[in-house]
Amino acid sequence: AVSLLSALHMYLARLVGRSRMTHNIMPPVVSGPPEFERTFRAQNCVEFYPLFLVSLWTCGMFFSEAAATAGLVYMVARQMYFNGYVTSAKKLPGFILALVVLGILSLLGWIGVL
C-alpha cells in the first residue's frame, strides 16, 4: 500500500511541467526565473525513488510495520524538501529527514537479510 501511495509522489515532476508553462520555458531549457529553477531542482527527489523502493521493499519483507511507517515519514520528508526548496533555501530539514529514513530502511533491510 505504501508503494502505491508513494507513486503519487511522482506528481512532483508534473509540478515542474506546470512551472514551465507558467514561466513559458520549453524543454530542454532548464534556466529561467529563480522560482522555476528552484522548482526544477526540487524535483530531483524523483532520483531517489528507485533507492527508496528497494529499501522499502527489502525492509518490508522482514519488518512490515516499521517499513510502512518509515515509508510514510519518507514521503512527508520529501514533500517538506520540495516545498522548502521551491519557496526558499529551507530544504535541509526535509532532506536530512529523508536521508535518515532511507538509512533506517536500508539498515533494517540489511539486518533482515543477514
PDB file of N, CA and C in Angstrom:
ATOM      1  N   ALA A   1       0.828  -1.193   0.000  1.00  0.00           N
ATOM      2  CA  ALA A   1       0.000   0.000   0.000  1.00  0.00           C
ATOM      3  C   ALA A   1       0.871   1.256   0.000  1.00  0.00           C
ATOM      4  N   VAL A   2       1.959   1.239   0.764  1.00  0.00           N
ATOM      5  CA  VAL A   2       2.837   2.411   0.809  1.00  0.00           C
ATOM      6  C   VAL A   2       3.516   2.608  -0.540  1.00  0.00           C
ATOM      7  N   SER A   3       3.865   1.514  -1.220  1.00  0.00           N
ATOM      8  CA  SER A   3       4.479   1.626  -2.544  1.00  0.00           C
ATOM      9  C   SER A   3       3.536   2.310  -3.515  1.00  0.00           C
ATOM     10  N   LEU A   4       2.283   1.902  -3.504  1.00  0.00           N
ATOM     11  CA  LEU A   4       1.311   2.524  -4.399  1.00  0.00           C
ATOM     12  C   LEU A   4       1.096   3.984  -4.037  1.00  0.00           C
ATOM     13  N   LEU A   5       1.003   4.265  -2.763  1.00  0.00           N
ATOM     14  CA  LEU A   5       0.824   5.640  -2.314  1.00  0.00           C
ATOM     15  C   LEU A   5       2.030   6.490  -2.696  1.00  0.00           C
ATOM     16  N   SER A   6       3.213   5.908  -2.627  1.00  0.00           N
ATOM     17  CA  SER A   6       4.417   6.671  -2.956  1.00  0.00           C
ATOM     18  C   SER A   6       4.461   7.041  -4.432  1.00  0.00           C
ATOM     19  N   ALA A   7       3.815   6.265  -5.283  1.00  0.00           N
ATOM     20  CA  ALA A   7       3.772   6.596  -6.705  1.00  0.00           C
ATOM     21  C   ALA A   7       3.075   7.937  -6.926  1.00  0.00           C
ATOM     22  N   LEU A   8       2.166   8.285  -6.034  1.00  0.00           N
ATOM     23  CA  LEU A   8       1.510   9.584  -6.140  1.00  0.00           C
ATOM     24  C   LEU A   8       2.511  10.722  -5.976  1.00  0.00           C
ATOM     25  N   HIS A   9       3.619  10.427  -5.334  1.00  0.00           N
ATOM     26  CA  HIS A   9       4.644  11.439  -5.129  1.00  0.00           C
ATOM     27  C   HIS A   9       5.310  11.837  -6.440  1.00  0.00           C
ATOM     28  N   MET A  10       5.108  11.044  -7.467  1.00  0.00           N
ATOM     29  CA  MET A  10       5.692  11.350  -8.763  1.00  0.00           C
ATOM     30  C   MET A  10       5.045  12.590  -9.386  1.00  0.00           C
ATOM     31  N   TYR A  11       3.994  13.082  -8.757  1.00  0.00           N
ATOM     32  CA  TYR A  11       3.358  14.283  -9.280  1.00  0.00           C
ATOM     33  C   TYR A  11       4.292  15.490  -9.178  1.00  0.00           C
ATOM     34  N   LEU A  12       5.374  15.367  -8.441  1.00  0.00           N
ATOM     35  CA  LEU A  12       6.336  16.462  -8.356  1.00  0.00           C
ATOM     36  C   LEU A  12       6.889  16.798  -9.738  1.00  0.00           C
ATOM     37  N   ALA A  13       7.062  15.787 -10.572  1.00  0.00           N
ATOM     38  CA  ALA A  13       7.512  16.036 -11.939  1.00  0.00           C
ATOM     39  C   ALA A  13       6.467  16.850 -12.698  1.00  0.00           C
ATOM     40  N   ARG A  14       5.205  16.612 -12.406  1.00  0.00           N
ATOM     41  CA  ARG A  14       4.131  17.382 -13.040  1.00  0.00           C
ATOM     42  C   ARG A  14       4.182  18.850 -12.619  1.00  0.00           C
ATOM     43  N   LEU A  15       4.577  19.099 -11.387  1.00  0.00           N
ATOM     44  CA  LEU A  15       4.690  20.480 -10.927  1.00  0.00           C
ATOM     45  C   LEU A  15       5.761  21.237 -11.706  1.00  0.00           C
ATOM     46  N   VAL A  16       6.799  20.537 -12.137  1.00  0.00           N
ATOM     47  CA  VAL A  16       7.820  21.170 -12.968  1.00  0.00           C
ATOM     48  C   VAL A  16       7.207  21.553 -14.310  1.00  0.00           C
ATOM     49  N   GLY A  17       6.403  20.671 -14.876  1.00  0.00           N
ATOM     50  CA  GLY A  17       5.725  20.987 -16.132  1.00  0.00           C
ATOM     51  C   GLY A  17       4.821  22.199 -15.994  1.00  0.00           C
ATOM     52  N   ARG A  18       4.109  22.259 -14.899  1.00  0.00           N
ATOM     53  CA  ARG A  18       3.231  23.407 -14.654  1.00  0.00           C
ATOM     54  C   ARG A  18       4.057  24.688 -14.525  1.00  0.00           C
ATOM     55  N   SER A  19       5.196  24.591 -13.847  1.00  0.00           N
ATOM     56  CA  SER A  19       6.064  25.757 -13.701  1.00  0.00           C
ATOM     57  C   SER A  19       6.629  26.180 -15.054  1.00  0.00           C
ATOM     58  N   ARG A  20       6.944  25.208 -15.909  1.00  0.00           N
ATOM     59  CA  ARG A  20       7.410  25.530 -17.264  1.00  0.00           C
ATOM     60  C   ARG A  20       6.351  26.329 -18.013  1.00  0.00           C
ATOM     61  N   MET A  21       5.104  25.892 -17.905  1.00  0.00           N
ATOM     62  CA  MET A  21       4.025  26.591 -18.601  1.00  0.00           C
ATOM     63  C   MET A  21       3.827  27.995 -18.027  1.00  0.00           C
ATOM     64  N   THR A  22       3.880  28.108 -16.716  1.00  0.00           N
ATOM     65  CA  THR A  22       3.694  29.408 -16.064  1.00  0.00           C
ATOM     66  C   THR A  22       4.749  30.409 -16.513  1.00  0.00           C
ATOM     67  N   HIS A  23       5.993  29.942 -16.633  1.00  0.00           N
ATOM     68  CA  HIS A  23       7.102  30.836 -16.972  1.00  0.00           C
ATOM     69  C   HIS A  23       7.466  30.774 -18.455  1.00  0.00           C
ATOM     70  N   ASN A  24       6.680  30.038 -19.250  1.00  0.00           N
ATOM     71  CA  ASN A  24       6.887  29.913 -20.696  1.00  0.00           C
ATOM     72  C   ASN A  24       8.314  29.455 -21.020  1.00  0.00           C
ATOM     73  N   ILE A  25       8.712  28.351 -20.406  1.00  0.00           N
ATOM     74  CA  ILE A  25      10.043  27.775 -20.617  1.00  0.00           C
ATOM     75  C   ILE A  25       9.857  26.390 -21.225  1.00  0.00           C
ATOM     76  N   MET A  26      10.328  26.236 -22.455  1.00  0.00           N
ATOM     77  CA  MET A  26      10.156  24.972 -23.164  1.00  0.00           C
ATOM     78  C   MET A  26      11.379  24.075 -22.977  1.00  0.00           C
ATOM     79  N   PRO A  27      11.158  22.757 -22.866  1.00  0.00           N
ATOM     80  CA  PRO A  27      12.287  21.825 -22.767  1.00  0.00           C
ATOM     81  C   PRO A  27      13.144  21.936 -24.022  1.00  0.00           C
ATOM     82  N   PRO A  28      14.402  21.753 -23.977  1.00  0.00           N
ATOM     83  CA  PRO A  28      15.229  21.257 -22.886  1.00  0.00           C
ATOM     84  C   PRO A  28      15.807  22.360 -22.001  1.00  0.00           C
ATOM     85  N   VAL A  29      15.336  23.590 -22.149  1.00  0.00           N
ATOM     86  CA  VAL A  29      15.850  24.700 -21.348  1.00  0.00           C
ATOM     87  C   VAL A  29      15.580  24.430 -19.868  1.00  0.00           C
ATOM     88  N   VAL A  30      16.597  24.625 -19.041  1.00  0.00           N
ATOM     89  CA  VAL A  30      16.446  24.395 -17.598  1.00  0.00           C
ATOM     90  C   VAL A  30      16.782  25.639 -16.783  1.00  0.00           C
ATOM     91  N   SER A  31      16.899  26.764 -17.456  1.00  0.00           N
ATOM     92  CA  SER A  31      17.162  28.003 -16.728  1.00  0.00           C
ATOM     93  C   SER A  31      16.025  28.976 -16.985  1.00  0.00           C
ATOM     94  N   GLY A  32      15.863  29.872 -16.053  1.00  0.00           N
ATOM     95  CA  GLY A  32      14.794  30.851 -16.143  1.00  0.00           C
ATOM     96  C   GLY A  32      14.710  31.629 -14.854  1.00  0.00           C
ATOM     97  N   PRO A  33      13.528  32.107 -14.516  1.00  0.00           N
ATOM     98  CA  PRO A  33      13.370  32.834 -13.256  1.00  0.00           C
ATOM     99  C   PRO A  33      13.736  31.942 -12.066  1.00  0.00           C
ATOM    100  N   PRO A  34      14.171  32.554 -10.976  1.00  0.00           N
ATOM    101  CA  PRO A  34      14.561  31.763  -9.794  1.00  0.00           C
ATOM    102  C   PRO A  34      13.466  30.803  -9.323  1.00  0.00           C
ATOM    103  N   GLU A  35      12.203  31.207  -9.426  1.00  0.00           N
ATOM    104  CA  GLU A  35      11.108  30.327  -8.995  1.00  0.00           C
ATOM    105  C   GLU A  35      11.096  29.035  -9.809  1.00  0.00           C
ATOM    106  N   PHE A  36      11.286  29.168 -11.135  1.00  0.00           N
ATOM    107  CA  PHE A  36      11.312  27.974 -11.983  1.00  0.00           C
ATOM    108  C   PHE A  36      12.524  27.108 -11.662  1.00  0.00           C
ATOM    109  N   GLU A  37      13.682  27.727 -11.532  1.00  0.00           N
ATOM    110  CA  GLU A  37      14.901  26.955 -11.287  1.00  0.00           C
ATOM    111  C   GLU A  37      14.826  26.189  -9.973  1.00  0.00           C
ATOM    112  N   ARG A  38      14.245  26.803  -8.946  1.00  0.00           N
ATOM    113  CA  ARG A  38      14.099  26.090  -7.670  1.00  0.00           C
ATOM    114  C   ARG A  38      13.135  24.915  -7.818  1.00  0.00           C
ATOM    115  N   THR A  39      12.041  25.111  -8.540  1.00  0.00           N
ATOM    116  CA  THR A  39      11.086  24.019  -8.759  1.00  0.00           C
ATOM    117  C   THR A  39      11.737  22.894  -9.548  1.00  0.00           C
ATOM    118  N   PHE A  40      12.496  23.254 -10.575  1.00  0.00           N
ATOM    119  CA  PHE A  40      13.161  22.251 -11.404  1.00  0.00           C
ATOM    120  C   PHE A  40      14.152  21.435 -10.580  1.00  0.00           C
ATOM    121  N   ARG A  41      14.937  22.110  -9.756  1.00  0.00           N
ATOM    122  CA  ARG A  41      15.922  21.398  -8.929  1.00  0.00           C
ATOM    123  C   ARG A  41      15.257  20.602  -7.811  1.00  0.00           C
ATOM    124  N   ALA A  42      14.152  21.098  -7.305  1.00  0.00           N
ATOM    125  CA  ALA A  42      13.480  20.419  -6.189  1.00  0.00           C
ATOM    126  C   ALA A  42      12.948  19.052  -6.588  1.00  0.00           C
ATOM    127  N   GLN A  43      12.587  18.884  -7.844  1.00  0.00           N
ATOM    128  CA  GLN A  43      12.038  17.593  -8.245  1.00  0.00           C
ATOM    129  C   GLN A  43      13.112  16.514  -8.362  1.00  0.00           C
ATOM    130  N   ASN A  44      14.352  16.835  -7.994  1.00  0.00           N
ATOM    131  CA  ASN A  44      15.401  15.812  -8.026  1.00  0.00           C
ATOM    132  C   ASN A  44      15.148  14.694  -7.030  1.00  0.00           C
ATOM    133  N   CYS A  45      14.169  14.892  -6.155  1.00  0.00           N
ATOM    134  CA  CYS A  45      13.846  13.803  -5.230  1.00  0.00           C
ATOM    135  C   CYS A  45      13.320  12.590  -5.998  1.00  0.00           C
ATOM    136  N   VAL A  46      12.915  12.790  -7.245  1.00  0.00           N
ATOM    137  CA  VAL A  46      12.495  11.664  -8.080  1.00  0.00           C
ATOM    138  C   VAL A  46      13.683  10.726  -8.313  1.00  0.00           C
ATOM    139  N   GLU A  47      14.896  11.278  -8.295  1.00  0.00           N
ATOM    140  CA  GLU A  47      16.092  10.460  -8.498  1.00  0.00           C
ATOM    141  C   GLU A  47      16.300   9.460  -7.363  1.00  0.00           C
ATOM    142  N   PHE A  48      15.796   9.762  -6.189  1.00  0.00           N
ATOM    143  CA  PHE A  48      15.933   8.870  -5.040  1.00  0.00           C
ATOM    144  C   PHE A  48      14.860   7.777  -5.024  1.00  0.00           C
ATOM    145  N   TYR A  49      13.882   7.876  -5.900  1.00  0.00           N
ATOM    146  CA  TYR A  49      12.738   6.969  -5.857  1.00  0.00           C
ATOM    147  C   TYR A  49      13.125   5.492  -5.981  1.00  0.00           C
ATOM    148  N   PRO A  50      13.981   5.099  -6.936  1.00  0.00           N
ATOM    149  CA  PRO A  50      14.361   3.676  -7.007  1.00  0.00           C
ATOM    150  C   PRO A  50      15.043   3.177  -5.727  1.00  0.00           C
ATOM    151  N   LEU A  51      15.922   3.978  -5.161  1.00  0.00           N
ATOM    152  CA  LEU A  51      16.588   3.593  -3.913  1.00  0.00           C
ATOM    153  C   LEU A  51      15.570   3.454  -2.787  1.00  0.00           C
ATOM    154  N   PHE A  52      14.623   4.377  -2.734  1.00  0.00           N
ATOM    155  CA  PHE A  52      13.573   4.315  -1.721  1.00  0.00           C
ATOM    156  C   PHE A  52      12.763   3.030  -1.859  1.00  0.00           C
ATOM    157  N   LEU A  53      12.338   2.697  -3.075  1.00  0.00           N
ATOM    158  CA  LEU A  53      11.511   1.497  -3.261  1.00  0.00           C
ATOM    159  C   LEU A  53      12.263   0.224  -2.896  1.00  0.00           C
ATOM    160  N   VAL A  54      13.508   0.107  -3.322  1.00  0.00           N
ATOM    161  CA  VAL A  54      14.290  -1.093  -2.994  1.00  0.00           C
ATOM    162  C   VAL A  54      14.463  -1.210  -1.484  1.00  0.00           C
ATOM    163  N   SER A  55      14.795  -0.106  -0.838  1.00  0.00           N
ATOM    164  CA  SER A  55      14.964  -0.130   0.621  1.00  0.00           C
ATOM    165  C   SER A  55      13.649  -0.450   1.320  1.00  0.00           C
ATOM    166  N   LEU A  56      12.570   0.155   0.850  1.00  0.00           N
ATOM    167  CA  LEU A  56      11.250  -0.078   1.442  1.00  0.00           C
ATOM    168  C   LEU A  56      10.847  -1.543   1.311  1.00  0.00           C
ATOM    169  N   TRP A  57      11.002  -2.098   0.122  1.00  0.00           N
ATOM    170  CA  TRP A  57      10.585  -3.486  -0.109  1.00  0.00           C
ATOM    171  C   TRP A  57      11.454  -4.469   0.672  1.00  0.00           C
ATOM    172  N   THR A  58      12.760  -4.228   0.698  1.00  0.00           N
ATOM    173  CA  THR A  58      13.644  -5.129   1.435  1.00  0.00           C
ATOM    174  C   THR A  58      13.321  -5.095   2.922  1.00  0.00           C
ATOM    175  N   CYS A  59      13.184  -3.905   3.454  1.00  0.00           N
ATOM    176  CA  CYS A  59      12.829  -3.770   4.870  1.00  0.00           C
ATOM    177  C   CYS A  59      11.455  -4.378   5.127  1.00  0.00           C
ATOM    178  N   GLY A  60      10.530  -4.157   4.219  1.00  0.00           N
ATOM    179  CA  GLY A  60       9.162  -4.643   4.386  1.00  0.00           C
ATOM    180  C   GLY A  60       9.042  -6.154   4.422  1.00  0.00           C
ATOM    181  N   MET A  61       9.985  -6.855   3.807  1.00  0.00           N
ATOM    182  CA  MET A  61       9.940  -8.319   3.841  1.00  0.00           C
ATOM    183  C   MET A  61      10.172  -8.855   5.247  1.00  0.00           C
ATOM    184  N   PHE A  62      10.857  -8.079   6.073  1.00  0.00           N
ATOM    185  CA  PHE A  62      11.210  -8.546   7.412  1.00  0.00           C
ATOM    186  C   PHE A  62      10.540  -7.751   8.534  1.00  0.00           C
ATOM    187  N   PHE A  63      10.295  -6.474   8.279  1.00  0.00           N
ATOM    188  CA  PHE A  63       9.728  -5.585   9.304  1.00  0.00           C
ATOM    189  C   PHE A  63       8.633  -4.738   8.662  1.00  0.00           C
ATOM    190  N   SER A  64       7.489  -5.343   8.400  1.00  0.00           N
ATOM    191  CA  SER A  64       6.460  -4.666   7.610  1.00  0.00           C
ATOM    192  C   SER A  64       5.927  -3.388   8.250  1.00  0.00           C
ATOM    193  N   GLU A  65       5.669  -3.411   9.554  1.00  0.00           N
ATOM    194  CA  GLU A  65       5.121  -2.217  10.204  1.00  0.00           C
ATOM    195  C   GLU A  65       6.135  -1.077  10.205  1.00  0.00           C
ATOM    196  N   ALA A  66       7.374  -1.399  10.496  1.00  0.00           N
ATOM    197  CA  ALA A  66       8.425  -0.377  10.500  1.00  0.00           C
ATOM    198  C   ALA A  66       8.615   0.196   9.099  1.00  0.00           C
ATOM    199  N   ALA A  67       8.568  -0.676   8.092  1.00  0.00           N
ATOM    200  CA  ALA A  67       8.730  -0.213   6.717  1.00  0.00           C
ATOM    201  C   ALA A  67       7.585   0.706   6.311  1.00  0.00           C
ATOM    202  N   ALA A  68       6.368   0.343   6.674  1.00  0.00           N
ATOM    203  CA  ALA A  68       5.215   1.178   6.325  1.00  0.00           C
ATOM    204  C   ALA A  68       5.313   2.545   6.994  1.00  0.00           C
ATOM    205  N   THR A  69       5.659   2.550   8.257  1.00  0.00           N
ATOM    206  CA  THR A  69       5.784   3.817   8.985  1.00  0.00           C
ATOM    207  C   THR A  69       6.908   4.670   8.404  1.00  0.00           C
ATOM    208  N   ALA A  70       8.055   4.056   8.193  1.00  0.00           N
ATOM    209  CA  ALA A  70       9.192   4.793   7.637  1.00  0.00           C
ATOM    210  C   ALA A  70       8.883   5.295   6.231  1.00  0.00           C
ATOM    211  N   GLY A  71       8.169   4.504   5.454  1.00  0.00           N
ATOM    212  CA  GLY A  71       7.796   4.930   4.108  1.00  0.00           C
ATOM    213  C   GLY A  71       6.915   6.166   4.120  1.00  0.00           C
ATOM    214  N   LEU A  72       5.969   6.200   5.028  1.00  0.00           N
ATOM    215  CA  LEU A  72       5.106   7.379   5.141  1.00  0.00           C
ATOM    216  C   LEU A  72       5.895   8.600   5.611  1.00  0.00           C
ATOM    217  N   VAL A  73       6.793   8.394   6.569  1.00  0.00           N
ATOM    218  CA  VAL A  73       7.627   9.508   7.045  1.00  0.00           C
ATOM    219  C   VAL A  73       8.517  10.014   5.910  1.00  0.00           C
ATOM    220  N   TYR A  74       9.047   9.100   5.100  1.00  0.00           N
ATOM    221  CA  TYR A  74       9.886   9.487   3.968  1.00  0.00           C
ATOM    222  C   TYR A  74       9.111  10.367   2.996  1.00  0.00           C
ATOM    223  N   MET A  75       7.873   9.980   2.702  1.00  0.00           N
ATOM    224  CA  MET A  75       7.080  10.773   1.760  1.00  0.00           C
ATOM    225  C   MET A  75       6.800  12.166   2.308  1.00  0.00           C
ATOM    226  N   VAL A  76       6.525  12.264   3.589  1.00  0.00           N
ATOM    227  CA  VAL A  76       6.320  13.579   4.212  1.00  0.00           C
ATOM    228  C   VAL A  76       7.615  14.392   4.148  1.00  0.00           C
ATOM    229  N   ALA A  77       8.740  13.742   4.418  1.00  0.00           N
ATOM    230  CA  ALA A  77      10.034  14.432   4.380  1.00  0.00           C
ATOM    231  C   ALA A  77      10.336  14.949   2.981  1.00  0.00           C
ATOM    232  N   ARG A  78      10.056  14.153   1.964  1.00  0.00           N
ATOM    233  CA  ARG A  78      10.312  14.590   0.592  1.00  0.00           C
ATOM    234  C   ARG A  78       9.406  15.749   0.206  1.00  0.00           C
ATOM    235  N   GLN A  79       8.176  15.726   0.690  1.00  0.00           N
ATOM    236  CA  GLN A  79       7.280  16.851   0.421  1.00  0.00           C
ATOM    237  C   GLN A  79       7.788  18.106   1.133  1.00  0.00           C
ATOM    238  N   MET A  80       8.282  17.942   2.355  1.00  0.00           N
ATOM    239  CA  MET A  80       8.881  19.072   3.084  1.00  0.00           C
ATOM    240  C   MET A  80      10.068  19.632   2.297  1.00  0.00           C
ATOM    241  N   TYR A  81      10.894  18.738   1.777  1.00  0.00           N
ATOM    242  CA  TYR A  81      12.060  19.144   0.985  1.00  0.00           C
ATOM    243  C   TYR A  81      11.613  19.922  -0.245  1.00  0.00           C
ATOM    244  N   PHE A  82      10.651  19.379  -0.972  1.00  0.00           N
ATOM    245  CA  PHE A  82      10.178  20.026  -2.193  1.00  0.00           C
ATOM    246  C   PHE A  82       9.625  21.411  -1.882  1.00  0.00           C
ATOM    247  N   ASN A  83       8.725  21.484  -0.918  1.00  0.00           N
ATOM    248  CA  ASN A  83       8.114  22.771  -0.573  1.00  0.00           C
ATOM    249  C   ASN A  83       9.156  23.771  -0.084  1.00  0.00           C
ATOM    250  N   GLY A  84      10.087  23.308   0.730  1.00  0.00           N
ATOM    251  CA  GLY A  84      11.132  24.189   1.227  1.00  0.00           C
ATOM    252  C   GLY A  84      12.040  24.690   0.126  1.00  0.00           C
ATOM    253  N   TYR A  85      12.360  23.834  -0.818  1.00  0.00           N
ATOM    254  CA  TYR A  85      13.254  24.206  -1.912  1.00  0.00           C
ATOM    255  C   TYR A  85      12.571  25.193  -2.840  1.00  0.00           C
ATOM    256  N   VAL A  86      11.306  24.956  -3.159  1.00  0.00           N
ATOM    257  CA  VAL A  86      10.581  25.817  -4.090  1.00  0.00           C
ATOM    258  C   VAL A  86      10.410  27.220  -3.513  1.00  0.00           C
ATOM    259  N   THR A  87      10.108  27.313  -2.238  1.00  0.00           N
ATOM    260  CA  THR A  87       9.831  28.623  -1.655  1.00  0.00           C
ATOM    261  C   THR A  87      11.087  29.374  -1.242  1.00  0.00           C
ATOM    262  N   SER A  88      12.129  28.674  -0.865  1.00  0.00           N
ATOM    263  CA  SER A  88      13.372  29.324  -0.445  1.00  0.00           C
ATOM    264  C   SER A  88      14.461  28.267  -0.366  1.00  0.00           C
ATOM    265  N   ALA A  89      15.477  28.568   0.374  1.00  0.00           N
ATOM    266  CA  ALA A  89      16.572  27.608   0.531  1.00  0.00           C
ATOM    267  C   ALA A  89      16.383  26.742   1.767  1.00  0.00           C
ATOM    268  N   LYS A  90      15.180  26.679   2.299  1.00  0.00           N
ATOM    269  CA  LYS A  90      14.924  25.911   3.526  1.00  0.00           C
ATOM    270  C   LYS A  90      14.636  24.448   3.201  1.00  0.00           C
ATOM    271  N   LYS A  91      15.542  23.839   2.497  1.00  0.00           N
ATOM    272  CA  LYS A  91      15.343  22.463   2.064  1.00  0.00           C
ATOM    273  C   LYS A  91      15.974  21.447   3.009  1.00  0.00           C
ATOM    274  N   LEU A  92      16.882  21.881   3.857  1.00  0.00           N
ATOM    275  CA  LEU A  92      17.659  20.941   4.658  1.00  0.00           C
ATOM    276  C   LEU A  92      16.850  20.082   5.622  1.00  0.00           C
ATOM    277  N   PRO A  93      15.882  20.597   6.371  1.00  0.00           N
ATOM    278  CA  PRO A  93      15.171  19.707   7.305  1.00  0.00           C
ATOM    279  C   PRO A  93      14.520  18.511   6.608  1.00  0.00           C
ATOM    280  N   GLY A  94      13.839  18.745   5.510  1.00  0.00           N
ATOM    281  CA  GLY A  94      13.210  17.647   4.780  1.00  0.00           C
ATOM    282  C   GLY A  94      14.227  16.705   4.172  1.00  0.00           C
ATOM    283  N   PHE A  95      15.311  17.256   3.637  1.00  0.00           N
ATOM    284  CA  PHE A  95      16.346  16.439   3.018  1.00  0.00           C
ATOM    285  C   PHE A  95      17.020  15.546   4.050  1.00  0.00           C
ATOM    286  N   ILE A  96      17.366  16.123   5.188  1.00  0.00           N
ATOM    287  CA  ILE A  96      18.034  15.349   6.235  1.00  0.00           C
ATOM    288  C   ILE A  96      17.113  14.256   6.769  1.00  0.00           C
ATOM    289  N   LEU A  97      15.848  14.595   6.996  1.00  0.00           N
ATOM    290  CA  LEU A  97      14.895  13.591   7.475  1.00  0.00           C
ATOM    291  C   LEU A  97      14.749  12.457   6.466  1.00  0.00           C
ATOM    292  N   ALA A  98      14.679  12.788   5.180  1.00  0.00           N
ATOM    293  CA  ALA A  98      14.563  11.753   4.147  1.00  0.00           C
ATOM    294  C   ALA A  98      15.792  10.849   4.136  1.00  0.00           C
ATOM    295  N   LEU A  99      16.978  11.431   4.270  1.00  0.00           N
ATOM    296  CA  LEU A  99      18.196  10.614   4.299  1.00  0.00           C
ATOM    297  C   LEU A  99      18.236   9.707   5.519  1.00  0.00           C
ATOM    298  N   VAL A 100      17.807  10.225   6.662  1.00  0.00           N
ATOM    299  CA  VAL A 100      17.775   9.405   7.878  1.00  0.00           C
ATOM    300  C   VAL A 100      16.825   8.228   7.687  1.00  0.00           C
ATOM    301  N   VAL A 101      15.650   8.490   7.131  1.00  0.00           N
ATOM    302  CA  VAL A 101      14.674   7.413   6.915  1.00  0.00           C
ATOM    303  C   VAL A 101      15.216   6.399   5.916  1.00  0.00           C
ATOM    304  N   LEU A 102      15.853   6.865   4.833  1.00  0.00           N
ATOM    305  CA  LEU A 102      16.459   5.926   3.881  1.00  0.00           C
ATOM    306  C   LEU A 102      17.512   5.067   4.566  1.00  0.00           C
ATOM    307  N   GLY A 103      18.293   5.678   5.427  1.00  0.00           N
ATOM    308  CA  GLY A 103      19.299   4.922   6.173  1.00  0.00           C
ATOM    309  C   GLY A 103      18.671   3.870   7.071  1.00  0.00           C
ATOM    310  N   ILE A 104      17.590   4.237   7.741  1.00  0.00           N
ATOM    311  CA  ILE A 104      16.895   3.283   8.618  1.00  0.00           C
ATOM    312  C   ILE A 104      16.313   2.137   7.808  1.00  0.00           C
ATOM    313  N   LEU A 105      15.660   2.459   6.696  1.00  0.00           N
ATOM    314  CA  LEU A 105      15.097   1.403   5.845  1.00  0.00           C
ATOM    315  C   LEU A 105      16.193   0.467   5.347  1.00  0.00           C
ATOM    316  N   SER A 106      17.304   1.049   4.903  1.00  0.00           N
ATOM    317  CA  SER A 106      18.412   0.229   4.400  1.00  0.00           C
ATOM    318  C   SER A 106      19.004  -0.638   5.501  1.00  0.00           C
ATOM    319  N   LEU A 107      19.211  -0.052   6.668  1.00  0.00           N
ATOM    320  CA  LEU A 107      19.774  -0.799   7.789  1.00  0.00           C
ATOM    321  C   LEU A 107      18.863  -1.953   8.197  1.00  0.00           C
ATOM    322  N   LEU A 108      17.577  -1.681   8.333  1.00  0.00           N
ATOM    323  CA  LEU A 108      16.643  -2.753   8.699  1.00  0.00           C
ATOM    324  C   LEU A 108      16.582  -3.828   7.613  1.00  0.00           C
ATOM    325  N   GLY A 109      16.670  -3.410   6.365  1.00  0.00           N
ATOM    326  CA  GLY A 109      16.698  -4.384   5.278  1.00  0.00           C
ATOM    327  C   GLY A 109      17.912  -5.290   5.373  1.00  0.00           C
ATOM    328  N   TRP A 110      19.076  -4.695   5.649  1.00  0.00           N
ATOM    329  CA  TRP A 110      20.300  -5.485   5.802  1.00  0.00           C
ATOM    330  C   TRP A 110      20.213  -6.406   7.006  1.00  0.00           C
ATOM    331  N   ILE A 111      19.675  -5.910   8.098  1.00  0.00           N
ATOM    332  CA  ILE A 111      19.524  -6.755   9.289  1.00  0.00           C
ATOM    333  C   ILE A 111      18.627  -7.945   8.974  1.00  0.00           C
ATOM    334  N   GLY A 112      17.556  -7.694   8.258  1.00  0.00           N
ATOM    335  CA  GLY A 112      16.646  -8.777   7.891  1.00  0.00           C
ATOM    336  C   GLY A 112      17.295  -9.798   6.979  1.00  0.00           C
ATOM    337  N   VAL A 113      18.085  -9.332   6.038  1.00  0.00           N
ATOM    338  CA  VAL A 113      18.748 -10.236   5.098  1.00  0.00           C
ATOM    339  C   VAL A 113      19.796 -11.079   5.815  1.00  0.00           C
ATOM    340  N   LEU A 114      20.522 -10.457   6.725  1.00  0.00           N
ATOM    341  CA  LEU A 114      21.577 -11.193   7.437  1.00  0.00           C
ATOM    342  C   LEU A 114      20.956 -12.108   8.459  1.00  0.00           C
TER     343      LEU A 114
END
